[in-house]
């Protein structure tokens, strides 16, 4: 692990260029993903009912 960190520190231009590329690629991907203004999200709901004679809530 320290070898990787030492390589990244000694090659600072490559590290910064890789970071810039990843940020730019992420921004482009975020902009091109289709988004809805009001998406129809189905929330899973589970109803549990238990009955027992002689017991009130």
N, C-alpha and C. Protein backbone atom coordinates (compact mmCIF):
# COMPACT_ATOMS: atom_id res chain seq x y z
N UNK A 1 0.82 -1.19 0.00
CA UNK A 1 0.00 0.00 0.00
C UNK A 1 0.87 1.26 0.00
N UNK A 2 1.97 1.23 0.73
CA UNK A 2 2.82 2.41 0.76
C UNK A 2 3.49 2.64 -0.59
N UNK A 3 3.70 1.58 -1.35
CA UNK A 3 4.27 1.73 -2.69
C UNK A 3 3.33 2.51 -3.61
N UNK A 4 2.05 2.23 -3.51
CA UNK A 4 1.06 2.93 -4.31
C UNK A 4 1.01 4.41 -3.93
N UNK A 5 1.05 4.70 -2.64
CA UNK A 5 1.00 6.09 -2.16
C UNK A 5 2.27 6.82 -2.58
N UNK A 6 3.42 6.18 -2.44
CA UNK A 6 4.67 6.81 -2.86
C UNK A 6 4.67 7.08 -4.37
N UNK A 7 4.12 6.16 -5.15
CA UNK A 7 4.03 6.36 -6.60
C UNK A 7 3.13 7.55 -6.92
N UNK A 8 1.97 7.64 -6.23
CA UNK A 8 1.04 8.74 -6.48
C UNK A 8 1.67 10.09 -6.10
N UNK A 9 2.44 10.12 -5.02
CA UNK A 9 3.08 11.36 -4.59
C UNK A 9 4.20 11.75 -5.55
N UNK A 10 4.98 10.78 -6.01
CA UNK A 10 6.09 11.08 -6.89
C UNK A 10 5.63 11.44 -8.31
N UNK A 11 4.45 11.02 -8.69
CA UNK A 11 3.88 11.35 -10.01
C UNK A 11 2.64 12.22 -9.80
N UNK A 12 2.85 13.41 -9.28
CA UNK A 12 1.74 14.29 -8.91
C UNK A 12 0.93 14.72 -10.12
N UNK A 13 1.58 14.97 -11.25
CA UNK A 13 0.83 15.40 -12.44
C UNK A 13 -0.11 14.31 -12.92
N UNK A 14 0.36 13.08 -12.93
CA UNK A 14 -0.49 11.97 -13.34
C UNK A 14 -1.66 11.80 -12.38
N UNK A 15 -1.41 11.93 -11.10
CA UNK A 15 -2.46 11.79 -10.10
C UNK A 15 -3.52 12.88 -10.27
N UNK A 16 -3.09 14.12 -10.46
CA UNK A 16 -4.04 15.22 -10.64
C UNK A 16 -4.79 15.11 -11.96
N UNK A 17 -4.11 14.66 -13.01
CA UNK A 17 -4.79 14.47 -14.28
C UNK A 17 -5.84 13.37 -14.18
N UNK A 18 -5.53 12.30 -13.48
CA UNK A 18 -6.50 11.22 -13.27
C UNK A 18 -7.70 11.71 -12.47
N UNK A 19 -7.44 12.49 -11.44
CA UNK A 19 -8.53 13.06 -10.64
C UNK A 19 -9.41 13.97 -11.48
N UNK A 20 -8.80 14.83 -12.29
CA UNK A 20 -9.56 15.74 -13.15
C UNK A 20 -10.39 14.95 -14.16
N UNK A 21 -9.80 13.89 -14.74
CA UNK A 21 -10.54 13.07 -15.70
C UNK A 21 -11.73 12.39 -15.04
N UNK A 22 -11.55 11.85 -13.86
CA UNK A 22 -12.65 11.17 -13.17
C UNK A 22 -13.76 12.15 -12.79
N UNK A 23 -13.39 13.34 -12.35
CA UNK A 23 -14.40 14.35 -12.02
C UNK A 23 -15.16 14.79 -13.26
N UNK A 24 -14.45 15.00 -14.36
CA UNK A 24 -15.10 15.40 -15.60
C UNK A 24 -16.01 14.29 -16.13
N UNK A 25 -15.55 13.06 -16.09
CA UNK A 25 -16.37 11.93 -16.55
C UNK A 25 -17.61 11.78 -15.67
N UNK A 26 -17.47 11.97 -14.37
CA UNK A 26 -18.63 11.90 -13.48
C UNK A 26 -19.62 13.01 -13.75
N UNK A 27 -19.12 14.20 -14.02
CA UNK A 27 -20.02 15.33 -14.32
C UNK A 27 -20.77 15.10 -15.62
N UNK A 28 -20.07 14.61 -16.64
CA UNK A 28 -20.73 14.32 -17.92
C UNK A 28 -21.76 13.21 -17.74
N UNK A 29 -21.43 12.18 -17.00
CA UNK A 29 -22.38 11.09 -16.77
C UNK A 29 -23.60 11.58 -16.00
N UNK A 30 -23.39 12.46 -15.03
CA UNK A 30 -24.52 12.98 -14.25
C UNK A 30 -25.43 13.83 -15.13
N UNK A 31 -24.84 14.60 -16.02
CA UNK A 31 -25.64 15.47 -16.90
C UNK A 31 -26.43 14.67 -17.93
N UNK A 32 -25.90 13.54 -18.38
CA UNK A 32 -26.56 12.78 -19.45
C UNK A 32 -27.56 11.75 -18.95
N UNK A 33 -27.58 11.46 -17.65
CA UNK A 33 -28.56 10.51 -17.12
C UNK A 33 -29.94 11.17 -17.14
N UNK A 34 -30.94 10.50 -17.73
CA UNK A 34 -32.28 11.10 -17.75
C UNK A 34 -32.88 11.15 -16.34
N UNK A 35 -33.49 12.29 -16.04
CA UNK A 35 -34.10 12.48 -14.72
C UNK A 35 -35.54 12.94 -14.89
N UNK A 36 -36.41 12.51 -14.00
CA UNK A 36 -37.79 12.94 -14.02
C UNK A 36 -38.00 14.00 -12.95
N UNK A 37 -38.91 14.93 -13.23
CA UNK A 37 -39.20 15.99 -12.26
C UNK A 37 -39.91 15.42 -11.04
N UNK A 38 -40.89 14.55 -11.28
CA UNK A 38 -41.63 13.93 -10.18
C UNK A 38 -41.68 12.42 -10.44
N UNK A 39 -40.66 11.69 -10.02
CA UNK A 39 -40.66 10.25 -10.28
C UNK A 39 -41.71 9.52 -9.43
N UNK A 40 -42.24 8.45 -9.97
CA UNK A 40 -43.22 7.63 -9.26
C UNK A 40 -42.47 6.57 -8.48
N UNK A 41 -42.20 6.85 -7.22
CA UNK A 41 -41.45 5.94 -6.37
C UNK A 41 -42.43 5.13 -5.55
N UNK A 42 -42.34 3.82 -5.68
CA UNK A 42 -43.22 2.94 -4.91
C UNK A 42 -42.52 2.58 -3.60
N UNK A 43 -43.11 2.99 -2.50
CA UNK A 43 -42.55 2.72 -1.18
C UNK A 43 -43.11 1.38 -0.70
N UNK A 44 -42.26 0.43 -0.39
CA UNK A 44 -42.78 -0.85 0.10
C UNK A 44 -43.37 -0.70 1.50
N UNK A 45 -44.59 -1.13 1.64
CA UNK A 45 -45.29 -1.04 2.92
C UNK A 45 -45.77 -2.43 3.32
N UNK A 46 -45.54 -2.78 4.55
CA UNK A 46 -45.97 -4.07 5.07
C UNK A 46 -46.91 -3.81 6.24
N UNK A 47 -48.09 -4.37 6.17
CA UNK A 47 -49.05 -4.25 7.26
C UNK A 47 -49.03 -5.55 8.06
N UNK A 48 -48.88 -5.40 9.36
CA UNK A 48 -48.88 -6.56 10.25
C UNK A 48 -50.08 -6.43 11.17
N UNK A 49 -50.89 -7.47 11.22
CA UNK A 49 -52.08 -7.45 12.08
C UNK A 49 -52.05 -8.70 12.94
N UNK A 50 -52.25 -8.48 14.23
CA UNK A 50 -52.23 -9.59 15.16
C UNK A 50 -53.48 -9.49 16.03
N UNK A 51 -54.19 -10.56 16.13
CA UNK A 51 -55.41 -10.54 16.96
C UNK A 51 -55.27 -11.56 18.09
N UNK A 52 -55.74 -11.15 19.24
CA UNK A 52 -55.72 -12.02 20.40
C UNK A 52 -56.99 -11.71 21.21
N UNK A 53 -57.74 -12.71 21.54
CA UNK A 53 -58.98 -12.49 22.27
C UNK A 53 -58.69 -12.05 23.70
N UNK A 54 -59.45 -11.06 24.14
CA UNK A 54 -59.36 -10.63 25.53
C UNK A 54 -58.28 -9.58 25.79
N UNK A 55 -57.61 -9.13 24.76
CA UNK A 55 -56.56 -8.11 24.94
C UNK A 55 -56.97 -6.85 24.18
N UNK A 56 -56.92 -5.70 24.85
CA UNK A 56 -57.21 -4.47 24.16
C UNK A 56 -55.89 -3.75 23.84
N UNK A 57 -55.88 -2.88 22.84
CA UNK A 57 -54.64 -2.24 22.45
C UNK A 57 -54.07 -1.31 23.49
